[in-house]
Amino acid sequence: MTPAEYQALTSPRLSHPARSLYQLYLRHHARGDITQALDYPLLGKALAVQGEGEYRYRVTPAELTALVDELLDAGLLSLVQNPHPQHYHGAVFSLPLKGLQGLAPLPSRQFAMHPQWRPDEQFDGLARLCGLLDSHVDETELGEFIAYWLGRPEVFENQHQWMLKLVRKLKNQRSVKRAAPPQDSGHYQQLPAKNDTGPSKRAREMMAEAQRLSSDNQEDRNEKDS
């Protein structure tokens, strides 16, 4: 286990079943840094605790999905592919923290976000391990990230965990931009010009009717005057 994995696994917000799922099954059966496709029935059996003739602890598919979400939030998993958006059965993940063998042990001190926070020199390598090839962060992106977490002073993370949150934010933002439809170059769409062929048939009929009514009214007035 790498120092980064240990730090994430000992977070007080990570449940014991989530730790067990990662350490005893996902990491143990992974091929290098990539998990096998998740099989919910096998995962349920791996986590079940059986007593005398009955189960003392079992997990439902919905609970398995929640456990995987915990591991994603902790940065222990990064989604590679998922054929079912509603759950993770059949999904494949990478183990980004397993690849941090050569990095120095991570500081354990946790802190709330502050205006002077910046990612450190390990950010580029961490971003690439999580599948973010372009790790450049402009001042707007960094400012939005810091401002968001400044509004949540009850959240404490260590430096590594804050950087993982920033990586996930950048990945989500850039995937949305790639999926967005191309925008028009101007503010308004120019409609094709129509040939000016004069009033339509209906318009000409209405104009003729108006002229007829106007002539009839004039004749009535002339008769009254005479």
Protein backbone atom coordinates (compact mmCIF):
# COMPACT_ATOMS: atom_id res chain seq x y z
CA MET A 1 0.00 0.00 0.00
CA THR A 2 1.36 3.41 -0.94
CA PRO A 3 1.37 6.36 1.47
CA ALA A 4 -1.28 8.01 -0.71
CA GLU A 5 -3.57 4.97 -0.44
CA TYR A 6 -3.06 4.75 3.30
CA GLN A 7 -3.89 8.43 3.74
CA ALA A 8 -7.12 8.11 1.72
CA LEU A 9 -8.18 4.86 3.41
CA THR A 10 -7.76 6.31 6.90
CA SER A 11 -10.05 9.26 6.21
CA PRO A 12 -12.73 9.30 8.94
CA ARG A 13 -15.42 9.88 6.32
CA LEU A 14 -14.69 6.59 4.52
CA SER A 15 -16.85 3.75 5.82
CA HIS A 16 -15.38 0.42 6.88
CA PRO A 17 -17.22 -1.51 4.10
CA ALA A 18 -15.77 0.89 1.51
CA ARG A 19 -12.26 0.32 2.89
CA SER A 20 -12.80 -3.43 2.79
CA LEU A 21 -14.14 -3.30 -0.75
CA TYR A 22 -11.04 -1.45 -1.94
CA GLN A 23 -8.34 -3.26 -0.02
CA LEU A 24 -9.64 -6.84 0.02
CA TYR A 25 -11.28 -7.04 -3.39
CA LEU A 26 -10.72 -4.23 -5.92
CA ARG A 27 -7.01 -3.74 -5.26
CA HIS A 28 -6.36 -7.45 -4.70
CA HIS A 29 -7.95 -8.48 -8.02
CA ALA A 30 -6.73 -5.52 -10.08
CA ARG A 31 -4.53 -6.05 -13.12
CA GLY A 32 -1.82 -3.53 -12.48
CA ASP A 33 -3.56 -0.21 -11.88
CA ILE A 34 -6.83 -1.25 -13.58
CA THR A 35 -9.66 -3.14 -11.89
CA GLN A 36 -11.53 -5.96 -13.47
CA ALA A 37 -15.08 -5.17 -14.55
CA LEU A 38 -17.15 -4.92 -11.39
CA ASP A 39 -19.46 -7.85 -10.79
CA TYR A 40 -22.12 -6.92 -8.23
CA PRO A 41 -23.01 -10.52 -7.19
CA LEU A 42 -19.32 -11.32 -6.57
CA LEU A 43 -18.81 -8.06 -4.70
CA GLY A 44 -21.85 -8.81 -2.54
CA LYS A 45 -20.44 -12.22 -1.63
CA ALA A 46 -17.02 -10.76 -0.87
CA LEU A 47 -18.48 -8.27 1.60
CA ALA A 48 -21.11 -10.54 3.16
CA VAL A 49 -20.63 -11.76 6.73
CA GLN A 50 -22.35 -15.07 7.41
CA GLY A 51 -23.31 -16.28 10.86
CA GLU A 52 -24.89 -19.55 11.92
CA GLY A 53 -27.21 -20.29 9.04
CA GLU A 54 -27.90 -16.65 8.21
CA TYR A 55 -26.17 -13.52 6.99
CA ARG A 56 -25.27 -10.98 9.64
CA TYR A 57 -24.21 -8.44 7.04
CA ARG A 58 -25.23 -8.17 3.39
CA VAL A 59 -25.12 -5.33 0.86
CA THR A 60 -27.71 -4.51 -1.76
CA PRO A 61 -26.85 -3.29 -5.28
CA ALA A 62 -27.79 0.26 -4.25
CA GLU A 63 -25.44 0.03 -1.24
CA LEU A 64 -22.63 -1.26 -3.50
CA THR A 65 -23.11 1.76 -5.75
CA ALA A 66 -22.88 4.04 -2.70
CA LEU A 67 -19.65 2.33 -1.56
CA VAL A 68 -18.06 2.85 -4.98
CA ASP A 69 -19.13 6.51 -4.83
CA GLU A 70 -17.28 6.80 -1.50
CA LEU A 71 -14.10 5.44 -3.08
CA LEU A 72 -14.46 7.81 -6.03
CA ASP A 73 -14.89 10.80 -3.72
CA ALA A 74 -11.80 9.74 -1.74
CA GLY A 75 -9.73 9.58 -4.95
CA LEU A 76 -9.05 5.85 -4.58
CA LEU A 77 -10.89 5.07 -7.82
CA SER A 78 -11.11 6.84 -11.16
CA LEU A 79 -13.73 5.77 -13.69
CA VAL A 80 -12.38 4.34 -16.97
CA GLN A 81 -15.58 3.08 -18.56
CA ASN A 82 -19.13 2.46 -17.38
CA PRO A 83 -21.77 0.83 -19.60
CA HIS A 84 -24.57 1.59 -17.11
CA PRO A 85 -24.84 5.22 -15.91
CA GLN A 86 -27.29 4.23 -13.15
CA HIS A 87 -24.85 1.87 -11.39
CA TYR A 88 -21.33 0.44 -11.65
CA HIS A 89 -21.99 -3.20 -12.53
CA GLY A 90 -19.64 -3.92 -15.43
CA ALA A 91 -17.67 -0.69 -14.90
CA VAL A 92 -13.86 -0.56 -15.01
CA PHE A 93 -11.78 1.75 -12.82
CA SER A 94 -8.17 2.80 -12.45
CA LEU A 95 -6.43 2.92 -9.07
CA PRO A 96 -4.63 6.30 -9.30
CA LEU A 97 -3.12 6.23 -5.81
CA LYS A 98 -1.61 2.79 -6.36
CA GLY A 99 0.75 4.33 -8.92
CA LEU A 100 2.23 6.87 -6.51
CA GLN A 101 4.96 4.48 -5.34
CA GLY A 102 7.83 6.90 -5.89
CA LEU A 103 6.34 9.92 -4.15
CA ALA A 104 7.31 10.97 -0.67
CA PRO A 105 4.90 10.22 2.18
CA LEU A 106 2.06 12.66 2.21
CA PRO A 107 1.49 15.07 5.08
CA SER A 108 -1.36 13.95 7.29
CA ARG A 109 -2.43 17.42 8.45
CA GLN A 110 -5.88 18.36 7.23
CA PHE A 111 -7.02 21.94 6.81
CA ALA A 112 -9.94 23.98 5.53
CA MET A 113 -9.62 25.75 2.19
CA HIS A 114 -8.03 29.21 2.34
CA PRO A 115 -7.50 31.98 -0.27
CA GLN A 116 -3.73 31.33 -0.53
CA TRP A 117 -4.07 27.62 -1.34
CA ARG A 118 -2.27 26.37 -4.46
CA PRO A 119 -1.57 22.87 -5.84
CA ASP A 120 2.03 21.76 -5.35
CA GLU A 121 4.65 20.22 -7.65
CA GLN A 122 3.00 16.78 -7.48
CA PHE A 123 -0.18 18.03 -9.14
CA ASP A 124 0.91 17.32 -12.73
CA GLY A 125 1.81 13.69 -12.01
CA LEU A 126 -1.38 13.17 -10.00
CA ALA A 127 -3.50 14.65 -12.80
CA ARG A 128 -1.97 12.32 -15.40
CA LEU A 129 -2.54 9.29 -13.19
CA CYS A 130 -6.21 10.29 -12.97
CA GLY A 131 -6.52 10.62 -16.75
CA LEU A 132 -6.23 14.42 -16.97
CA LEU A 133 -3.51 14.96 -19.58
CA ASP A 134 -3.76 18.76 -19.59
CA SER A 135 -3.09 19.74 -15.98
CA HIS A 136 -2.83 23.47 -16.66
CA VAL A 137 -5.05 25.48 -14.30
CA ASP A 138 -5.77 29.11 -15.13
CA GLU A 139 -6.53 31.72 -12.48
CA THR A 140 -10.27 31.66 -13.21
CA GLU A 141 -10.55 27.88 -12.70
CA LEU A 142 -8.44 28.00 -9.55
CA GLY A 143 -10.37 30.98 -8.19
CA GLU A 144 -13.73 29.27 -8.74
CA PHE A 145 -12.46 26.13 -6.99
CA ILE A 146 -11.13 28.04 -3.98
CA ALA A 147 -14.24 30.23 -3.74
CA TYR A 148 -16.53 27.17 -3.78
CA TRP A 149 -14.71 25.47 -0.89
CA LEU A 150 -14.25 28.69 1.07
CA GLY A 151 -18.02 28.60 1.43
CA ARG A 152 -17.71 25.20 3.14
CA PRO A 153 -15.34 25.84 6.05
CA GLU A 154 -16.49 22.65 7.76
CA VAL A 155 -14.65 20.54 5.12
CA PHE A 156 -11.08 19.58 6.09
CA GLU A 157 -8.73 17.77 3.69
CA ASN A 158 -4.99 17.32 3.36
CA GLN A 159 -3.04 18.79 0.44
CA HIS A 160 -3.27 15.62 -1.63
CA GLN A 161 -7.03 15.34 -1.20
CA TRP A 162 -7.57 18.99 -2.16
CA MET A 163 -5.58 18.39 -5.34
CA LEU A 164 -7.69 15.33 -6.13
CA LYS A 165 -10.83 17.43 -5.81
CA LEU A 166 -9.34 19.98 -8.21
CA VAL A 167 -8.46 17.22 -10.71
CA ARG A 168 -12.03 15.89 -10.64
CA LYS A 169 -13.43 19.41 -11.13
CA LEU A 170 -11.20 20.04 -14.16
CA LYS A 171 -12.05 16.65 -15.67
CA ASN A 172 -15.78 17.30 -15.32
CA GLN A 173 -15.53 20.82 -16.74
CA ARG A 174 -13.50 19.77 -19.76
CA SER A 175 -15.67 16.74 -20.54
CA VAL A 176 -18.72 19.04 -20.57
CA LYS A 177 -16.95 21.44 -22.95
CA ARG A 178 -16.07 18.60 -25.31
CA ALA A 179 -19.66 17.37 -25.32
CA ALA A 180 -21.19 20.82 -25.93
CA PRO A 181 -22.53 21.44 -29.49
CA PRO A 182 -20.62 23.95 -31.62
CA GLN A 183 -21.78 27.52 -31.16
CA ASP A 184 -22.71 29.94 -33.93
CA SER A 185 -20.00 32.46 -34.71
CA GLY A 186 -22.41 35.37 -34.26
CA HIS A 187 -25.10 36.24 -31.77
CA TYR A 188 -27.89 35.87 -34.29
CA GLN A 189 -28.47 33.32 -36.97
CA GLN A 190 -28.82 34.95 -40.35
CA LEU A 191 -31.81 33.63 -42.23
CA PRO A 192 -31.54 33.06 -45.98
CA ALA A 193 -32.73 36.01 -48.01
CA LYS A 194 -36.12 35.64 -49.66
CA ASN A 195 -36.87 36.83 -53.17
CA ASP A 196 -39.05 39.96 -53.08
CA THR A 197 -41.92 38.92 -55.36
CA GLY A 198 -44.45 41.47 -54.07
CA PRO A 199 -47.59 40.85 -52.01
CA SER A 200 -48.90 37.32 -51.79
CA LYS A 201 -52.15 36.28 -53.42
CA ARG A 202 -53.99 36.45 -50.10
CA ALA A 203 -52.60 39.93 -49.43
CA ARG A 204 -53.71 41.14 -52.86
CA GLU A 205 -57.22 39.76 -52.27
CA MET A 206 -57.46 41.57 -48.92
CA MET A 207 -56.25 44.83 -50.50
CA ALA A 208 -58.85 44.52 -53.26
CA GLU A 209 -61.61 43.85 -50.74
CA ALA A 210 -60.58 46.91 -48.73
CA GLN A 211 -60.65 49.07 -51.84
CA ARG A 212 -64.12 47.76 -52.77
CA LEU A 213 -65.48 48.50 -49.31
CA SER A 214 -63.96 51.97 -49.42
CA SER A 215 -65.61 52.65 -52.82
CA ASP A 216 -69.01 51.39 -51.56
CA ASN A 217 -68.80 53.66 -48.51
CA GLN A 218 -67.95 56.64 -50.72
CA GLU A 219 -70.93 55.97 -53.02
CA ASP A 220 -73.27 55.75 -50.00
CA ARG A 221 -72.05 59.13 -48.76
CA ASN A 222 -72.51 60.70 -52.20
CA GLU A 223 -76.10 59.41 -52.41
CA LYS A 224 -76.88 60.87 -48.97
CA ASP A 225 -75.41 64.27 -49.93
CA SER A 226 -77.47 64.42 -53.10
